[in-house]
N, C-alpha and C. Protein backbone atom coordinates (compact mmCIF):
# COMPACT_ATOMS: atom_id res chain seq x y z
N MET A 1 -0.15 21.62 0.31
CA MET A 1 1.18 20.98 0.43
C MET A 1 1.11 19.49 0.13
N ARG A 2 2.07 18.95 -0.60
CA ARG A 2 2.04 17.63 -1.03
C ARG A 2 2.76 16.73 0.05
N GLN A 3 2.22 15.64 0.26
CA GLN A 3 2.56 14.70 1.28
C GLN A 3 3.64 13.76 0.77
N GLY A 4 4.63 13.30 1.52
CA GLY A 4 5.69 12.52 1.00
C GLY A 4 5.23 11.03 0.77
N SER A 5 6.01 10.30 0.18
CA SER A 5 5.72 8.82 0.07
C SER A 5 5.75 8.04 1.25
N ASN A 6 6.62 8.45 2.22
CA ASN A 6 6.49 7.66 3.55
C ASN A 6 5.26 7.85 4.12
N PHE A 7 4.74 9.14 4.31
CA PHE A 7 3.38 9.37 4.99
C PHE A 7 2.37 8.54 4.20
N MET A 8 2.29 8.57 2.94
CA MET A 8 1.07 7.96 2.21
C MET A 8 1.35 6.44 2.28
N ALA A 9 2.56 5.79 2.38
CA ALA A 9 2.70 4.35 2.59
C ALA A 9 2.09 4.05 4.04
N PHE A 10 2.43 4.91 5.09
CA PHE A 10 2.01 4.71 6.34
C PHE A 10 0.51 4.73 6.45
N PHE A 11 -0.22 5.62 5.66
CA PHE A 11 -1.55 5.93 5.73
C PHE A 11 -2.20 4.69 5.01
N TYR A 12 -1.79 4.17 3.95
CA TYR A 12 -2.43 3.10 3.34
C TYR A 12 -2.23 1.96 4.01
N ALA A 13 -1.01 1.71 4.69
CA ALA A 13 -0.89 0.53 5.55
C ALA A 13 -1.99 0.47 6.76
N ILE A 14 -2.10 1.68 7.37
CA ILE A 14 -2.89 1.58 8.61
C ILE A 14 -4.43 1.37 8.02
N PHE A 15 -4.82 2.07 7.00
CA PHE A 15 -6.27 1.97 6.61
C PHE A 15 -6.42 0.56 6.02
N GLY A 16 -5.51 -0.18 5.32
CA GLY A 16 -5.73 -1.47 4.91
C GLY A 16 -5.95 -2.32 6.09
N ILE A 17 -5.06 -2.31 7.04
CA ILE A 17 -5.26 -3.04 8.23
C ILE A 17 -6.56 -2.87 8.94
N LEU A 18 -6.88 -1.46 9.16
CA LEU A 18 -8.27 -1.09 9.73
C LEU A 18 -9.35 -1.69 8.91
N PHE A 19 -9.30 -1.65 7.59
CA PHE A 19 -10.47 -2.35 6.83
C PHE A 19 -10.49 -3.90 6.94
N MET A 20 -9.34 -4.50 7.01
CA MET A 20 -9.30 -5.84 7.14
C MET A 20 -9.89 -6.18 8.53
N TYR A 21 -9.53 -5.50 9.55
CA TYR A 21 -9.96 -5.76 10.92
C TYR A 21 -11.52 -5.68 11.06
N LEU A 22 -12.06 -4.60 10.25
CA LEU A 22 -13.58 -4.34 10.31
C LEU A 22 -14.12 -5.38 9.49
N ALA A 23 -13.68 -5.95 8.36
CA ALA A 23 -14.11 -7.00 7.61
C ALA A 23 -14.09 -8.28 8.47
N TYR A 24 -13.13 -8.49 9.23
CA TYR A 24 -13.05 -9.77 10.00
C TYR A 24 -14.07 -9.77 11.09
N SER A 25 -14.15 -8.62 11.78
CA SER A 25 -15.20 -8.46 12.78
C SER A 25 -16.59 -8.50 12.31
N ASN A 26 -16.93 -8.03 11.13
CA ASN A 26 -18.14 -8.09 10.58
C ASN A 26 -18.36 -9.53 10.13
N SER A 27 -17.44 -10.24 9.70
CA SER A 27 -17.84 -11.73 9.23
C SER A 27 -17.99 -12.60 10.51
N ILE A 28 -17.43 -12.29 11.64
CA ILE A 28 -17.58 -12.98 12.86
C ILE A 28 -19.01 -12.65 13.27
N GLU A 29 -19.31 -11.31 13.19
CA GLU A 29 -20.67 -10.98 13.80
C GLU A 29 -21.78 -11.61 12.80
N ALA A 30 -21.65 -11.59 11.58
CA ALA A 30 -22.64 -12.11 10.60
C ALA A 30 -22.68 -13.63 10.55
N GLY A 31 -21.52 -14.16 10.81
CA GLY A 31 -21.49 -15.63 10.64
C GLY A 31 -20.97 -16.28 9.38
N THR A 32 -20.78 -15.29 8.47
CA THR A 32 -20.46 -15.61 7.02
C THR A 32 -19.49 -14.56 6.46
N VAL A 33 -18.68 -14.95 5.48
CA VAL A 33 -18.02 -13.85 4.79
C VAL A 33 -18.60 -13.43 3.61
N PHE A 34 -19.74 -14.06 3.27
CA PHE A 34 -20.42 -13.68 1.95
C PHE A 34 -21.59 -12.83 2.12
N ASN A 35 -21.31 -11.75 2.75
CA ASN A 35 -22.28 -10.62 2.86
C ASN A 35 -21.72 -9.30 2.39
N PHE A 36 -22.63 -8.37 2.08
CA PHE A 36 -22.19 -7.21 1.27
C PHE A 36 -21.05 -6.51 1.95
N TRP A 37 -21.23 -6.12 3.30
CA TRP A 37 -20.22 -5.33 3.73
C TRP A 37 -18.86 -5.93 4.20
N THR A 38 -18.83 -7.11 4.38
CA THR A 38 -17.56 -7.94 4.50
C THR A 38 -16.85 -7.83 3.30
N ILE A 39 -17.47 -8.13 2.12
CA ILE A 39 -16.80 -8.15 0.82
C ILE A 39 -16.36 -6.65 0.53
N LEU A 40 -17.22 -5.65 0.77
CA LEU A 40 -16.99 -4.36 0.49
C LEU A 40 -15.68 -3.86 1.24
N LEU A 41 -15.58 -4.16 2.51
CA LEU A 41 -14.53 -3.84 3.37
C LEU A 41 -13.17 -4.50 2.87
N THR A 42 -13.39 -5.74 2.50
CA THR A 42 -12.20 -6.43 2.00
C THR A 42 -11.64 -5.75 0.85
N LEU A 43 -12.58 -5.43 -0.05
CA LEU A 43 -12.17 -4.74 -1.29
C LEU A 43 -11.44 -3.42 -1.03
N PHE A 44 -12.00 -2.59 -0.16
CA PHE A 44 -11.24 -1.36 0.29
C PHE A 44 -9.84 -1.77 0.73
N ALA A 45 -9.75 -2.76 1.60
CA ALA A 45 -8.43 -3.12 2.10
C ALA A 45 -7.55 -3.60 1.04
N ALA A 46 -8.02 -4.26 -0.10
CA ALA A 46 -7.18 -4.68 -1.11
C ALA A 46 -6.80 -3.60 -1.99
N VAL A 47 -7.45 -2.53 -2.14
CA VAL A 47 -7.12 -1.33 -2.85
C VAL A 47 -6.10 -0.70 -2.14
N ASP A 48 -6.20 -0.53 -0.79
CA ASP A 48 -5.17 0.12 0.06
C ASP A 48 -3.85 -0.60 -0.01
N PHE A 49 -3.92 -2.01 0.14
CA PHE A 49 -2.63 -2.71 0.04
C PHE A 49 -1.90 -2.68 -1.39
N TYR A 50 -2.86 -2.65 -2.34
CA TYR A 50 -2.32 -2.44 -3.72
C TYR A 50 -1.70 -1.14 -3.90
N ARG A 51 -2.15 -0.02 -3.40
CA ARG A 51 -1.50 1.29 -3.47
C ARG A 51 -0.09 1.25 -2.76
N LEU A 52 -0.23 0.62 -1.55
CA LEU A 52 0.96 0.50 -0.87
C LEU A 52 2.06 -0.27 -1.54
N TYR A 53 1.66 -1.26 -2.31
CA TYR A 53 2.69 -2.01 -3.08
C TYR A 53 3.21 -1.19 -4.16
N LEU A 54 2.34 -0.34 -4.80
CA LEU A 54 2.76 0.61 -5.89
C LEU A 54 3.67 1.58 -5.29
N ILE A 55 3.47 2.06 -4.12
CA ILE A 55 4.55 3.07 -3.58
C ILE A 55 5.78 2.40 -3.35
N PHE A 56 5.93 1.25 -2.84
CA PHE A 56 7.15 0.60 -2.52
C PHE A 56 7.78 0.22 -3.88
N ARG A 57 7.10 -0.26 -4.89
CA ARG A 57 7.63 -0.60 -6.13
C ARG A 57 8.38 0.67 -6.82
N PHE A 58 7.51 1.89 -6.74
CA PHE A 58 8.00 2.98 -7.24
C PHE A 58 9.32 3.38 -6.64
N ARG A 59 9.29 3.36 -5.30
CA ARG A 59 10.57 3.76 -4.48
C ARG A 59 11.79 2.86 -4.85
N MET A 60 11.48 1.66 -5.16
CA MET A 60 12.57 0.75 -5.46
C MET A 60 13.07 1.06 -6.82
N ALA A 61 12.21 1.40 -7.74
CA ALA A 61 12.67 1.76 -9.17
C ALA A 61 13.38 3.02 -9.07
N ALA A 62 12.99 4.02 -8.34
CA ALA A 62 13.64 5.38 -8.21
C ALA A 62 14.91 5.18 -7.62
N LYS A 63 15.19 4.27 -6.51
CA LYS A 63 16.60 4.06 -6.02
C LYS A 63 17.37 3.51 -7.09
N LYS A 64 16.89 2.54 -7.82
CA LYS A 64 17.80 1.92 -8.92
C LYS A 64 18.04 2.88 -10.00
N MET A 65 17.23 3.75 -10.31
CA MET A 65 17.51 4.73 -11.35
C MET A 65 18.69 5.64 -10.79
N ILE A 66 18.49 6.15 -9.56
CA ILE A 66 19.61 7.09 -8.83
C ILE A 66 20.88 6.37 -8.80
N LYS A 67 20.82 5.09 -8.62
CA LYS A 67 22.10 4.36 -8.40
C LYS A 67 22.82 4.27 -9.74
N LYS A 68 22.04 3.94 -10.75
CA LYS A 68 22.47 3.87 -12.23
C LYS A 68 23.25 5.25 -12.64
N GLU A 69 22.55 6.34 -12.30
CA GLU A 69 23.02 7.67 -12.68
C GLU A 69 24.25 7.98 -11.95
N GLN A 70 24.37 7.44 -10.69
CA GLN A 70 25.57 7.82 -9.88
C GLN A 70 26.74 6.94 -10.49
N GLU A 71 26.36 5.73 -10.93
CA GLU A 71 27.54 4.94 -11.51
C GLU A 71 27.93 5.54 -12.87
N LYS A 72 27.05 6.18 -13.56
CA LYS A 72 27.41 6.86 -14.75
C LYS A 72 28.26 7.92 -14.33
N LYS A 73 27.97 8.83 -13.49
CA LYS A 73 28.85 9.95 -13.05
C LYS A 73 30.18 9.50 -12.58
N ASP A 74 30.10 8.35 -11.83
CA ASP A 74 31.54 7.90 -11.37
C ASP A 74 32.38 7.30 -12.53
N ASP A 75 31.81 6.80 -13.57
CA ASP A 75 32.54 6.28 -14.67
C ASP A 75 33.14 7.40 -15.55
N LYS A 76 32.50 8.47 -15.60
CA LYS A 76 32.89 9.67 -16.30
C LYS A 76 34.04 10.38 -15.70
N LYS A 77 34.16 10.25 -14.48
CA LYS A 77 35.27 10.92 -13.70
C LYS A 77 36.65 10.39 -13.97
C-alpha cells in the first residue's frame, strides 16, 4: 500500500527534527561540532528536510496545474 504525501511530509519532518536534536546533543556532549557523528546526523537531517521541501514543491506545482486545468474547462463552457 502506497503512503500519501501528507504522511511522507510528516515522516520527513519528524525525522529531520529528530536527527537535528541528536546532532545538537552529540555536539554538546563532544564539545565540538566537528566530529564524525555530529556531521553525519546533520547530513541525514539535511536530506530529510530536502525531501520535505521537494514534497511541498511538488504539491504546489500539482495544485497550480489543477487550477489551470479547471480554468481551461471553465473557459470552454
